[in-house]
Protein backbone atom coordinates (compact mmCIF):
# COMPACT_ATOMS: atom_id res chain seq x y z
CA UNK A 1 -38.43 14.21 -75.74
CA UNK A 2 -35.85 13.80 -72.88
CA UNK A 3 -33.72 10.97 -72.64
CA UNK A 4 -35.46 10.43 -69.33
CA UNK A 5 -38.69 9.79 -70.92
CA UNK A 6 -37.30 7.74 -74.02
CA UNK A 7 -35.88 5.71 -70.86
CA UNK A 8 -38.76 4.84 -69.11
CA UNK A 9 -40.79 4.12 -72.21
CA UNK A 10 -38.38 1.66 -73.42
CA UNK A 11 -38.19 0.33 -70.01
CA UNK A 12 -42.33 -0.24 -69.93
CA UNK A 13 -42.30 -1.90 -73.12
CA UNK A 14 -39.91 -4.29 -72.46
CA UNK A 15 -41.31 -5.09 -69.00
CA UNK A 16 -44.65 -5.48 -70.98
CA UNK A 17 -43.49 -7.66 -73.34
CA UNK A 18 -41.43 -9.90 -70.82
CA UNK A 19 -44.49 -10.64 -68.37
CA UNK A 20 -46.62 -11.73 -71.59
CA UNK A 21 -43.75 -14.19 -72.47
CA UNK A 22 -43.82 -15.37 -68.94
CA UNK A 23 -47.95 -16.09 -68.98
CA UNK A 24 -47.71 -17.70 -72.34
CA UNK A 25 -45.12 -20.10 -70.91
CA UNK A 26 -46.18 -20.81 -67.61
CA UNK A 27 -48.50 -23.57 -67.94
CA UNK A 28 -45.37 -25.77 -69.42
CA UNK A 29 -43.29 -24.44 -67.22
CA UNK A 30 -45.37 -25.76 -64.12
CA UNK A 31 -45.81 -29.22 -65.76
CA UNK A 32 -43.27 -30.79 -63.84
CA UNK A 33 -39.90 -30.04 -62.11
CA UNK A 34 -37.65 -30.94 -65.10
CA UNK A 35 -39.75 -28.88 -67.41
CA UNK A 36 -39.20 -25.86 -64.74
CA UNK A 37 -35.33 -26.16 -64.50
CA UNK A 38 -34.10 -27.92 -68.15
CA UNK A 39 -37.30 -27.49 -70.10
CA UNK A 40 -37.18 -31.30 -70.36
CA UNK A 41 -33.89 -31.31 -71.96
CA UNK A 42 -35.39 -30.16 -75.30
CA UNK A 43 -33.97 -26.88 -76.47
CA UNK A 44 -32.87 -26.17 -80.28
CA UNK A 45 -29.64 -24.52 -81.20
CA UNK A 46 -31.25 -21.24 -81.80
CA UNK A 47 -32.57 -21.35 -78.04
CA UNK A 48 -29.32 -22.55 -76.40
CA UNK A 49 -26.96 -20.25 -78.38
CA UNK A 50 -29.01 -16.63 -77.72
CA UNK A 51 -29.91 -17.71 -73.91
CA UNK A 52 -26.08 -18.04 -73.40
CA UNK A 53 -25.24 -14.63 -75.28
CA UNK A 54 -27.80 -13.09 -73.38
CA UNK A 55 -26.74 -14.37 -70.06
CA UNK A 56 -23.00 -13.70 -70.75
CA UNK A 57 -23.78 -10.21 -71.39
CA UNK A 58 -25.16 -8.89 -68.47
CA UNK A 59 -24.68 -5.70 -66.60
CA UNK A 60 -21.25 -6.55 -65.04
CA UNK A 61 -20.00 -7.37 -68.83
CA UNK A 62 -21.49 -4.14 -70.20
CA UNK A 63 -20.63 -1.82 -67.21
CA UNK A 64 -18.84 -3.71 -64.43
CA UNK A 65 -15.79 -4.19 -66.78
CA UNK A 66 -15.68 -0.96 -67.92
CA UNK A 67 -15.39 0.39 -64.30
CA UNK A 68 -12.67 -2.32 -63.72
CA UNK A 69 -10.65 -1.43 -66.65
CA UNK A 70 -11.20 2.38 -65.88
CA UNK A 71 -9.26 1.75 -62.47
CA UNK A 72 -6.85 -1.24 -63.51
CA UNK A 73 -6.39 -0.87 -67.71
CA UNK A 74 -4.81 -3.72 -69.67
CA UNK A 75 -4.83 -6.03 -66.71
CA UNK A 76 -8.46 -6.27 -66.58
CA UNK A 77 -8.17 -8.01 -70.14
CA UNK A 78 -6.42 -10.86 -68.43
CA UNK A 79 -9.43 -11.35 -66.18
CA UNK A 80 -11.85 -11.02 -69.27
CA UNK A 81 -10.02 -13.84 -71.13
CA UNK A 82 -10.25 -16.11 -68.37
CA UNK A 83 -13.77 -15.46 -67.22
CA UNK A 84 -15.18 -15.38 -70.78
CA UNK A 85 -12.70 -17.87 -72.12
CA UNK A 86 -14.05 -20.39 -69.82
CA UNK A 87 -16.83 -20.60 -72.11
CA UNK A 88 -14.92 -21.53 -74.97
CA UNK A 89 -12.99 -24.28 -72.45
CA UNK A 90 -16.50 -25.06 -71.39
CA UNK A 91 -17.84 -25.75 -74.69
CA UNK A 92 -14.70 -27.92 -75.71
CA UNK A 93 -13.95 -29.87 -72.87
CA UNK A 94 -17.67 -30.14 -70.95
CA UNK A 95 -20.30 -29.08 -72.94
CA UNK A 96 -20.54 -32.37 -74.84
CA UNK A 97 -20.28 -34.60 -71.89
CA UNK A 98 -23.08 -32.01 -69.95
CA UNK A 99 -25.17 -32.44 -73.13
CA UNK A 100 -25.65 -36.30 -73.06
CA UNK A 101 -27.17 -35.97 -69.74
CA UNK A 102 -30.54 -34.65 -68.21
CA UNK A 103 -29.30 -33.53 -65.13
CA UNK A 104 -30.96 -30.20 -63.32
CA UNK A 105 -27.57 -29.32 -61.80
CA UNK A 106 -23.88 -29.47 -61.55
CA UNK A 107 -24.62 -30.71 -57.98
CA UNK A 108 -26.79 -33.55 -59.09
CA UNK A 109 -24.43 -34.64 -61.97
CA UNK A 110 -21.24 -35.09 -59.42
CA UNK A 111 -23.55 -36.93 -57.30
CA UNK A 112 -24.93 -39.30 -59.45
CA UNK A 113 -21.62 -39.86 -61.40
CA UNK A 114 -18.73 -39.10 -58.88
CA UNK A 115 -19.65 -39.17 -55.43
CA UNK A 116 -22.91 -40.36 -54.22
CA UNK A 117 -23.01 -38.46 -51.05
CA UNK A 118 -25.85 -36.21 -50.63
CA UNK A 119 -23.62 -34.00 -48.05
CA UNK A 120 -21.75 -33.13 -50.96
CA UNK A 121 -24.09 -32.42 -53.03
CA UNK A 122 -25.56 -29.87 -50.81
CA UNK A 123 -22.13 -28.23 -50.01
CA UNK A 124 -21.71 -27.96 -53.98
CA UNK A 125 -25.28 -26.54 -54.36
CA UNK A 126 -24.38 -24.17 -51.61
CA UNK A 127 -21.07 -22.97 -53.66
CA UNK A 128 -22.47 -22.76 -56.93
CA UNK A 129 -25.69 -20.84 -55.76
CA UNK A 130 -23.72 -18.05 -54.06
CA UNK A 131 -22.22 -17.53 -57.95
CA UNK A 132 -25.81 -17.08 -59.26
CA UNK A 133 -27.08 -15.01 -56.13
CA UNK A 134 -23.99 -12.55 -56.82
CA UNK A 135 -24.81 -12.15 -60.50
CA UNK A 136 -28.53 -11.26 -60.08
CA UNK A 137 -27.56 -8.60 -57.29
CA UNK A 138 -25.04 -7.27 -59.98
CA UNK A 139 -27.51 -6.87 -62.74
CA UNK A 140 -29.82 -4.58 -60.41
CA UNK A 141 -27.02 -2.38 -59.46
CA UNK A 142 -26.08 -2.03 -62.72
CA UNK A 143 -29.49 -1.01 -63.71
CA UNK A 144 -29.67 1.26 -60.63
CA UNK A 145 -26.63 2.86 -61.70
CA UNK A 146 -27.91 3.43 -65.74
CA UNK A 147 -31.03 4.72 -64.49
CA UNK A 148 -29.48 7.19 -61.74
CA UNK A 149 -27.11 8.92 -64.37
CA UNK A 150 -29.90 8.90 -67.30
CA UNK A 151 -33.14 10.35 -65.22
CA UNK A 152 -31.56 11.62 -62.07
CA UNK A 153 -33.52 8.99 -59.91
CA UNK A 154 -32.33 7.50 -56.60
CA UNK A 155 -30.99 4.00 -57.19
CA UNK A 156 -32.66 2.29 -54.73
CA UNK A 157 -36.40 2.06 -55.93
CA UNK A 158 -34.77 1.53 -59.37
CA UNK A 159 -33.30 -1.73 -58.42
CA UNK A 160 -36.81 -2.53 -56.31
CA UNK A 161 -38.68 -2.19 -59.44
CA UNK A 162 -36.45 -4.22 -61.90
CA UNK A 163 -35.95 -6.88 -58.87
CA UNK A 164 -39.68 -6.99 -58.67
CA UNK A 165 -40.29 -7.41 -62.81
CA UNK A 166 -37.68 -10.22 -62.94
CA UNK A 167 -38.53 -12.08 -60.31
CA UNK A 168 -42.45 -12.26 -61.45
CA UNK A 169 -41.26 -13.57 -64.83
CA UNK A 170 -39.12 -16.12 -63.74
CA UNK A 171 -41.48 -17.04 -60.94
CA UNK A 172 -43.92 -17.79 -63.57
CA UNK A 173 -42.12 -19.13 -66.58
CA UNK A 174 -39.31 -21.08 -65.41
CA UNK A 175 -36.50 -21.90 -67.90
CA UNK A 176 -38.94 -21.32 -70.84
CA UNK A 177 -39.62 -17.70 -70.13
CA UNK A 178 -35.96 -17.25 -69.45
CA UNK A 179 -35.01 -18.70 -72.81
CA UNK A 180 -37.77 -17.32 -74.98
CA UNK A 181 -36.98 -13.44 -73.39
CA UNK A 182 -33.24 -14.40 -73.74
CA UNK A 183 -33.90 -14.99 -77.58
CA UNK A 184 -35.18 -11.33 -78.18
CA UNK A 185 -32.52 -9.83 -75.35
CA UNK A 186 -29.65 -11.87 -77.01
CA UNK A 187 -30.41 -10.57 -80.57
CA UNK A 188 -30.61 -6.90 -79.31
CA UNK A 189 -27.31 -7.39 -77.44
CA UNK A 190 -25.47 -8.45 -80.79
CA UNK A 191 -26.80 -5.86 -83.00
CA UNK A 192 -26.97 -3.14 -80.67
CA UNK A 193 -23.55 -3.89 -79.40
CA UNK A 194 -21.91 -3.71 -82.58
CA UNK A 195 -23.44 -0.31 -82.84
CA UNK A 196 -22.36 0.83 -79.92
CA UNK A 197 -18.78 -0.30 -80.02
CA UNK A 198 -18.50 1.45 -83.30
CA UNK A 199 -19.60 4.79 -81.70
CA UNK A 200 -17.30 4.37 -78.05
CA UNK A 201 -14.08 3.48 -79.74
CA UNK A 202 -14.28 6.18 -82.32
CA UNK A 203 -12.78 8.83 -80.16
CA UNK A 204 -9.18 6.94 -80.21
CA UNK A 205 -9.84 5.94 -84.07
CA UNK A 206 -9.79 2.26 -83.40
CA UNK A 207 -6.19 2.15 -82.49
CA UNK A 208 -4.23 1.25 -79.13
CA UNK A 209 -1.61 3.95 -80.37
CA UNK A 210 -3.92 6.65 -80.02
CA UNK A 211 -5.66 5.21 -76.60
CA UNK A 212 -2.16 5.09 -75.17
CA UNK A 213 -1.54 8.44 -76.13
CA UNK A 214 -4.54 9.78 -74.97
CA UNK A 215 -4.01 7.82 -71.61
CA UNK A 216 -0.24 9.48 -71.20
CA UNK A 217 -1.90 12.99 -71.82
CA UNK A 218 -4.18 12.54 -69.08
CA UNK A 219 -1.47 11.44 -66.64
CA UNK A 220 -2.59 7.46 -66.61
CA UNK A 221 0.53 5.82 -67.91
CA UNK A 222 -0.03 3.56 -64.93
CA UNK A 223 -3.29 1.71 -66.49
CA UNK A 224 -1.14 1.11 -69.81
CA UNK A 225 1.53 -0.87 -68.38
CA UNK A 226 1.61 -4.59 -70.17
CA UNK A 227 4.35 -5.85 -67.94
CA UNK A 228 1.99 -7.23 -65.72
CA UNK A 229 3.32 -9.80 -63.11
CA UNK A 230 2.89 -13.53 -63.87
CA UNK A 231 1.24 -14.21 -60.65
CA UNK A 232 -1.58 -11.20 -61.10
CA UNK A 233 -2.19 -12.67 -64.39
CA UNK A 234 -2.61 -16.00 -63.43
CA UNK A 235 -4.78 -15.29 -60.59
CA UNK A 236 -7.43 -13.11 -62.65
CA UNK A 237 -7.29 -15.83 -64.96
CA UNK A 238 -8.06 -18.48 -63.08
CA UNK A 239 -10.66 -16.67 -60.57
CA UNK A 240 -12.46 -16.03 -63.97
CA UNK A 241 -11.93 -19.17 -65.92
CA UNK A 242 -12.63 -21.80 -62.65
CA UNK A 243 -15.37 -19.40 -61.37
CA UNK A 244 -17.50 -19.80 -64.59
CA UNK A 245 -16.75 -23.42 -64.73
CA UNK A 246 -18.49 -23.61 -61.59
CA UNK A 247 -21.49 -21.61 -62.97
CA UNK A 248 -24.82 -23.24 -62.85
CA UNK A 249 -26.44 -21.42 -65.51
CA UNK A 250 -23.84 -23.13 -68.14
CA UNK A 251 -24.33 -26.75 -67.21
CA UNK A 252 -28.12 -25.95 -67.28
CA UNK A 253 -28.34 -24.90 -70.41
CA UNK A 254 -26.25 -27.92 -71.30
CA UNK A 255 -28.45 -30.35 -69.61
CA UNK A 256 -31.50 -28.47 -71.43
CA UNK A 257 -30.01 -28.65 -74.98
CA UNK A 258 -31.86 -31.48 -77.19
CA UNK A 259 -28.19 -33.09 -77.54
CA UNK A 260 -24.20 -32.77 -76.81
CA UNK A 261 -23.89 -31.18 -80.26
CA UNK A 262 -26.23 -28.50 -79.69
CA UNK A 263 -24.90 -27.94 -76.26
CA UNK A 264 -21.18 -27.63 -77.49
CA UNK A 265 -21.91 -25.11 -80.30
CA UNK A 266 -24.51 -23.03 -78.48
CA UNK A 267 -21.68 -22.73 -75.83
CA UNK A 268 -18.62 -22.48 -78.25
CA UNK A 269 -19.85 -19.49 -80.26
CA UNK A 270 -21.50 -17.72 -77.25
CA UNK A 271 -18.22 -17.94 -75.69
CA UNK A 272 -16.17 -16.52 -78.91
CA UNK A 273 -18.51 -13.76 -78.86
CA UNK A 274 -17.86 -13.13 -75.22
CA UNK A 275 -14.31 -12.99 -75.40
CA UNK A 276 -14.47 -10.40 -78.31
CA UNK A 277 -17.45 -8.01 -76.76
CA UNK A 278 -16.40 -8.20 -73.25
CA UNK A 279 -12.90 -7.21 -74.14
CA UNK A 280 -14.01 -4.28 -76.19
CA UNK A 281 -16.03 -3.16 -73.06
CA UNK A 282 -12.92 -3.06 -71.25
CA UNK A 283 -11.33 -0.92 -73.87
CA UNK A 284 -14.27 1.34 -73.57
CA UNK A 285 -13.45 1.66 -70.08
CA UNK A 286 -10.09 3.12 -70.69
CA UNK A 287 -11.46 5.14 -73.57
CA UNK A 288 -13.75 7.13 -70.69
CA UNK A 289 -10.50 7.38 -68.47
CA UNK A 290 -8.46 8.73 -71.19
CA UNK A 291 -11.52 11.39 -71.64
CA UNK A 292 -12.38 12.01 -68.21
CA UNK A 293 -9.78 11.07 -66.21
CA UNK A 294 -11.01 13.01 -62.84
CA UNK A 295 -14.08 11.06 -63.34
CA UNK A 296 -15.81 8.31 -61.15
CA UNK A 297 -14.80 4.76 -62.51
CA UNK A 298 -18.29 3.71 -61.37
CA UNK A 299 -20.07 5.99 -64.08
CA UNK A 300 -17.37 5.17 -66.84
CA UNK A 301 -19.93 3.82 -69.25
CA UNK A 302 -22.42 6.06 -68.16
CA UNK A 303 -20.17 8.94 -68.60
CA UNK A 304 -19.00 8.00 -71.87
CA UNK A 305 -22.83 7.24 -73.16
CA UNK A 306 -23.97 10.78 -71.70
CA UNK A 307 -21.19 12.68 -73.02
CA UNK A 308 -19.61 11.29 -76.39
CA UNK A 309 -22.10 9.03 -78.28
CA UNK A 310 -25.14 10.89 -79.87
CA UNK A 311 -28.66 10.77 -78.08
CA UNK A 312 -30.41 7.95 -80.15
CA UNK A 313 -27.32 5.90 -79.72
CA UNK A 314 -27.66 6.42 -76.22
CA UNK A 315 -31.07 5.20 -76.02
CA UNK A 316 -30.07 2.18 -78.02
CA UNK A 317 -27.21 1.26 -75.65
CA UNK A 318 -29.57 1.87 -72.72
CA UNK A 319 -31.85 -0.89 -74.86
CA UNK A 320 -29.07 -2.74 -75.05
CA UNK A 321 -28.03 -2.51 -71.09
CA UNK A 322 -31.45 -3.17 -70.04
CA UNK A 323 -31.96 -6.01 -72.26
CA UNK A 324 -28.28 -7.56 -70.80
CA UNK A 325 -28.84 -6.97 -67.50
CA UNK A 326 -32.70 -8.51 -67.59
CA UNK A 327 -31.76 -11.68 -69.21
CA UNK A 328 -28.12 -12.14 -67.47
CA UNK A 329 -30.57 -11.60 -63.85
CA UNK A 330 -33.65 -13.84 -64.72
CA UNK A 331 -31.12 -16.65 -65.83
CA UNK A 332 -29.05 -16.59 -62.33
CA UNK A 333 -32.21 -16.13 -60.48
CA UNK A 334 -33.62 -19.43 -62.09
CA UNK A 335 -30.35 -21.30 -61.52
CA UNK A 336 -30.22 -20.17 -57.82
CA UNK A 337 -33.63 -21.27 -57.17
CA UNK A 338 -33.27 -24.83 -58.92
CA UNK A 339 -30.19 -25.48 -57.33
CA UNK A 340 -31.52 -24.59 -53.77
CA UNK A 341 -34.87 -27.01 -54.54
CA UNK A 342 -32.48 -29.91 -56.46
CA UNK A 343 -29.67 -30.03 -54.27
CA UNK A 344 -30.73 -28.69 -50.73
CA UNK A 345 -34.16 -29.80 -50.45
CA UNK A 346 -35.09 -32.61 -52.93
CA UNK A 347 -32.08 -35.03 -51.23
CA UNK A 348 -33.09 -34.01 -47.96
CA UNK A 349 -37.08 -34.04 -47.84
CA UNK A 350 -39.87 -36.20 -49.53
CA UNK A 351 -41.68 -34.10 -52.17
CA UNK A 352 -43.51 -35.15 -55.09
CA UNK A 353 -43.04 -33.28 -58.65
CA UNK A 354 -45.80 -30.83 -57.86
CA UNK A 355 -44.51 -29.57 -54.41
CA UNK A 356 -40.60 -29.23 -56.05
CA UNK A 357 -42.06 -26.54 -58.78
CA UNK A 358 -44.07 -24.74 -55.88
CA UNK A 359 -40.60 -24.63 -53.97
CA UNK A 360 -38.77 -23.58 -56.97
CA UNK A 361 -41.54 -20.72 -57.50
CA UNK A 362 -41.56 -19.46 -53.84
CA UNK A 363 -37.50 -19.71 -53.81
CA UNK A 364 -37.35 -17.42 -56.89
CA UNK A 365 -39.09 -14.76 -55.09
CA UNK A 366 -37.04 -15.43 -51.77
CA UNK A 367 -33.83 -15.67 -53.61
CA UNK A 368 -34.84 -12.16 -55.83
CA UNK A 369 -35.46 -10.30 -52.67
CA UNK A 370 -31.84 -11.62 -51.21
CA UNK A 371 -30.15 -10.46 -54.23
CA UNK A 372 -31.87 -7.03 -54.40
CA UNK A 373 -31.04 -6.36 -51.03
CA UNK A 374 -27.20 -7.40 -51.71
CA UNK A 375 -27.46 -5.23 -54.85
CA UNK A 376 -28.25 -2.20 -52.60
CA UNK A 377 -25.62 -2.97 -50.09
CA UNK A 378 -22.51 -3.95 -52.36
CA UNK A 379 -19.89 -1.57 -53.30
CA UNK A 380 -19.53 -2.54 -56.71
CA UNK A 381 -20.81 -4.84 -59.55
CA UNK A 382 -17.55 -6.48 -59.84
CA UNK A 383 -17.15 -6.84 -56.11
CA UNK A 384 -20.16 -8.88 -55.55
CA UNK A 385 -18.85 -11.37 -58.15
CA UNK A 386 -15.46 -11.73 -57.67
CA UNK A 387 -15.57 -13.28 -54.08
CA UNK A 388 -18.33 -15.83 -55.22
CA UNK A 389 -16.09 -16.83 -58.22
CA UNK A 390 -13.18 -17.39 -56.00
CA UNK A 391 -14.97 -19.28 -53.40
CA UNK A 392 -16.67 -21.51 -55.50
CA UNK A 393 -13.84 -21.75 -58.66
CA UNK A 394 -11.23 -22.44 -56.27
CA UNK A 395 -13.39 -25.45 -54.61
CA UNK A 396 -16.12 -27.22 -56.82
CA UNK A 397 -13.99 -27.35 -60.21
CA UNK A 398 -10.98 -28.77 -58.89
CA UNK A 399 -13.00 -31.52 -57.25
CA UNK A 400 -15.07 -32.06 -60.02
CA UNK A 401 -11.64 -32.47 -62.46
CA UNK A 402 -10.41 -35.02 -59.76
CA UNK A 403 -13.56 -37.02 -59.85
CA UNK A 404 -13.95 -36.93 -64.03
CA UNK A 405 -10.15 -37.63 -64.24
CA UNK A 406 -9.66 -40.63 -61.62
CA UNK A 407 -11.85 -43.38 -62.85
CA UNK A 408 -12.70 -46.83 -61.15
CA UNK A 409 -12.80 -47.89 -64.92
CA UNK A 410 -10.93 -45.81 -67.19
CA UNK A 411 -12.23 -47.42 -70.25
CA UNK A 412 -15.96 -47.02 -69.63
CA UNK A 413 -17.48 -43.71 -70.29
CA UNK A 414 -19.70 -41.92 -67.79
CA UNK A 415 -23.23 -42.67 -67.82
CA UNK A 416 -26.29 -41.55 -65.80
CA UNK A 417 -26.78 -43.86 -63.10
CA UNK A 418 -23.47 -45.51 -62.86
CA UNK A 419 -20.83 -44.49 -60.43
CA UNK A 420 -17.55 -44.60 -62.16
CA UNK A 421 -14.95 -42.54 -59.86
CA UNK A 422 -12.21 -43.10 -57.08
CA UNK A 423 -13.15 -39.80 -55.49
CA UNK A 424 -15.20 -40.79 -51.95
CA UNK A 425 -17.38 -38.88 -49.95
CA UNK A 426 -15.27 -37.44 -47.77
CA UNK A 427 -12.53 -36.74 -50.08
CA UNK A 428 -14.85 -34.54 -51.98
CA UNK A 429 -16.15 -33.09 -48.77
CA UNK A 430 -12.77 -31.80 -47.70
CA UNK A 431 -11.49 -31.09 -50.85
CA UNK A 432 -14.63 -28.35 -51.30
CA UNK A 433 -13.97 -26.74 -47.73
CA UNK A 434 -10.25 -26.76 -48.11
CA UNK A 435 -10.71 -25.01 -51.69
CA UNK A 436 -13.09 -22.51 -50.65
CA UNK A 437 -11.51 -21.34 -47.21
CA UNK A 438 -7.87 -21.35 -48.79
CA UNK A 439 -9.03 -19.62 -52.28
CA UNK A 440 -10.50 -16.62 -50.01
CA UNK A 441 -7.68 -16.37 -47.72
CA UNK A 442 -4.47 -14.47 -48.44
CA UNK A 443 -3.01 -17.39 -50.58
CA UNK A 444 -5.57 -17.08 -53.18
CA UNK A 445 -7.18 -18.95 -55.52
CA UNK A 446 -4.20 -20.27 -57.31
CA UNK A 447 -2.95 -22.07 -53.90
CA UNK A 448 -6.81 -22.92 -53.35
CA UNK A 449 -7.25 -25.15 -56.66
CA UNK A 450 -4.31 -26.89 -55.46
CA UNK A 451 -5.04 -27.50 -51.87
CA UNK A 452 -8.28 -28.82 -52.84
CA UNK A 453 -7.40 -31.20 -55.58
CA UNK A 454 -4.48 -32.54 -53.47
CA UNK A 455 -6.82 -32.64 -50.09
CA UNK A 456 -9.59 -34.41 -52.29
CA UNK A 457 -6.95 -37.03 -53.69
CA UNK A 458 -5.22 -37.45 -50.28
CA UNK A 459 -8.56 -38.11 -48.31
CA UNK A 460 -10.03 -40.23 -50.85
CA UNK A 461 -6.89 -42.50 -50.84
CA UNK A 462 -7.04 -42.53 -47.04
CA UNK A 463 -10.92 -43.50 -46.79
CA UNK A 464 -11.25 -45.84 -50.09
CA UNK A 465 -10.85 -49.25 -47.81
CA UNK A 466 -13.94 -48.04 -45.89
CA UNK A 467 -15.87 -46.82 -48.41
CA UNK A 468 -15.06 -50.02 -50.53
CA UNK A 469 -16.21 -52.33 -47.46
CA UNK A 470 -19.58 -50.32 -46.96
CA UNK A 471 -20.48 -50.82 -50.87
CA UNK A 472 -19.57 -54.28 -50.54
CA UNK A 473 -22.07 -55.05 -47.61
CA UNK A 474 -24.71 -53.17 -49.47
CA UNK A 475 -24.08 -55.18 -52.53
CA UNK A 476 -24.52 -58.45 -50.73
CA UNK A 477 -27.71 -57.01 -48.71
CA UNK A 478 -29.14 -56.21 -52.69
CA UNK A 479 -28.42 -59.96 -53.46
């Protein structure tokens, strides 16, 4: 049986199982918007852990980083440590806090605890949704590339086919369909990932010395440079770290967890796995460069799978990438739709719970179509992510940190429904816009983070008297 036939058989089985899960969970997901978005905040550790692993290990982490490392070498690992290490930072610093609450989005949390301003909520929603949409498009692009290599098909119909499948089952089952399919996909990612790395790293005897020697023999000593400029390391680290800290998918899973401990442990263990696995993916990209130095970097992972590992391992790895891409796509698609409904529609339009669920389902379709179009026209998988990471990470995270650290009542813990921050609406708005603009400019994310935090504090100090006067008037009216 040919590799192309095996590829299609695996694909059809997978898609059938995912759609069956969606049909089994659609009634529970449709019960309320909170059920559709965060499963009512009831998920146990096993579902939180494997949905985190499956979501993290998408096509970008199994293919995009291999492509980037083919070109950038060891410097790509700095980005990996920032991007994936941020999950550990998130687990230790934020997951326990988020796990105490049942918000639907990070924007809603910031609105309730820190700002009380629907305009700020909408801006945060737009910025965080951009990451989710970019990730969805990236999974479609990755699957298109891998299918083109294995079957010779044009990537366009492949992207459209897979987009239609994950749009359908995410629309039907909401977060329930996502976490149950992710349980299956996450197990596949862990088991098959270990098998793949064992075969992919064997050509260099699992040795950096051998890898560097082969790269030198191929005339690629430039990508073995370890004396990387500090600014480049910091930029790549902060871009990956802050971009992930602004990602709705991780906050959403913490809100969906049954308690704070479950949220923290799920993110911590998945973060440790991600740092190791994605670093190995980057090294695999360098192995591909050493063995095929004149090859297309975009085909770094597929080339190695087609030419280095046995066919049965290639079929296994295809299953791995299919599971990873589908799980990451459905998670980000669900998160994007939830953000748009919760933060761009709900604060401005009167709608009951049933209407919100309907909006979320239709927006799942709309966002999925938009992301598929982005996947078709984007130049690379990582290219889809980097601008969204930079823009959201350089604006949302510094404003969030200012709001959390700059309390009105320093001794009080944050509680749902209690406003406990000196950050003002105008301070948050200006900080978000300045951070996004500066981060995307030639100054980069390091200056963007600093400018965002500084402007948020400065404008808040200037506007606090007016805000306090308004709050006093409102309190008087309530009395």
